[in-house]
Amino acid sequence: MLELAGAAGLLIPPLAPWAAIGLALLMVAMFPANVSAASRGLTLAGKPVTPLPARTALQVLFIAAAIAAAV
């Protein structure tokens, strides 16, 4: 739900910087759950979750993109 609100906020120029910052913070807050899922070997629809090194790289990229959108 918060992801959708952030995405909508990115489309409204006066709100875009705040939405981008909010999305970056949300991704930072969710990262421990991603680490936990990868460490425990969980699956989604029968497929393993993204391995931790790849997930970490993607998360850094997504956070950097959100910060870049805020500037």
Protein backbone atom coordinates (compact mmCIF):
# COMPACT_ATOMS: atom_id res chain seq x y z
CA MET A 1 0.00 0.00 0.00
CA LEU A 2 2.78 2.43 0.89
CA GLU A 3 4.57 1.57 -2.35
CA LEU A 4 1.49 2.58 -4.34
CA ALA A 5 1.11 5.83 -2.42
CA GLY A 6 4.79 6.61 -3.05
CA ALA A 7 4.45 5.83 -6.74
CA ALA A 8 1.42 8.09 -7.00
CA GLY A 9 3.31 10.81 -5.15
CA LEU A 10 6.14 10.62 -7.69
CA LEU A 11 3.65 11.64 -10.39
CA ILE A 12 2.71 14.87 -8.60
CA PRO A 13 5.62 17.32 -9.01
CA PRO A 14 5.26 19.18 -5.68
CA LEU A 15 5.10 15.86 -3.81
CA ALA A 16 7.71 13.96 -5.84
CA PRO A 17 10.76 14.77 -3.67
CA TRP A 18 8.91 13.81 -0.49
CA ALA A 19 7.52 10.65 -2.08
CA ALA A 20 11.00 9.65 -3.27
CA ILE A 21 12.45 10.14 0.21
CA GLY A 22 9.58 8.15 1.69
CA LEU A 23 10.14 5.32 -0.76
CA ALA A 24 13.87 5.26 -0.01
CA LEU A 25 13.15 5.07 3.73
CA LEU A 26 10.59 2.34 3.13
CA MET A 27 13.13 0.29 1.19
CA VAL A 28 15.71 0.72 3.96
CA ALA A 29 13.12 -0.36 6.54
CA MET A 30 12.13 -3.43 4.51
CA PHE A 31 15.69 -4.60 3.84
CA PRO A 32 16.02 -6.66 7.07
CA ALA A 33 12.96 -8.68 6.00
CA ASN A 34 14.61 -9.36 2.64
CA VAL A 35 17.78 -10.52 4.42
CA SER A 36 15.71 -12.78 6.66
CA ALA A 37 13.82 -14.30 3.73
CA ALA A 38 17.03 -14.99 1.81
CA SER A 39 18.81 -16.39 4.86
CA ARG A 40 15.97 -18.75 5.74
CA GLY A 41 15.60 -20.02 2.17
CA LEU A 42 11.97 -19.01 1.81
CA THR A 43 10.08 -19.47 -1.44
CA LEU A 44 7.51 -17.42 -3.34
CA ALA A 45 5.04 -19.45 -5.41
CA GLY A 46 7.40 -22.41 -5.11
CA LYS A 47 10.43 -20.50 -6.38
CA PRO A 48 13.31 -19.45 -4.12
CA VAL A 49 13.55 -15.78 -3.20
CA THR A 50 16.27 -13.70 -4.85
CA PRO A 51 19.69 -14.63 -3.42
CA LEU A 52 21.04 -12.18 -0.86
CA PRO A 53 23.95 -10.73 -2.91
CA ALA A 54 21.69 -9.99 -5.87
CA ARG A 55 18.95 -8.66 -3.61
CA THR A 56 21.39 -6.37 -1.82
CA ALA A 57 22.68 -4.98 -5.13
CA LEU A 58 19.13 -4.38 -6.35
CA GLN A 59 18.12 -2.74 -3.09
CA VAL A 60 21.11 -0.36 -3.24
CA LEU A 61 20.21 0.47 -6.85
CA PHE A 62 16.55 1.11 -5.99
CA ILE A 63 17.44 3.29 -3.00
CA ALA A 64 19.91 5.28 -5.11
CA ALA A 65 17.23 5.76 -7.77
CA ALA A 66 14.74 7.00 -5.17
CA ILE A 67 17.29 9.42 -3.76
CA ALA A 68 18.15 10.62 -7.28
CA ALA A 69 14.45 11.22 -7.91
CA ALA A 70 14.28 13.31 -4.74
CA VAL A 71 17.02 15.66 -5.87
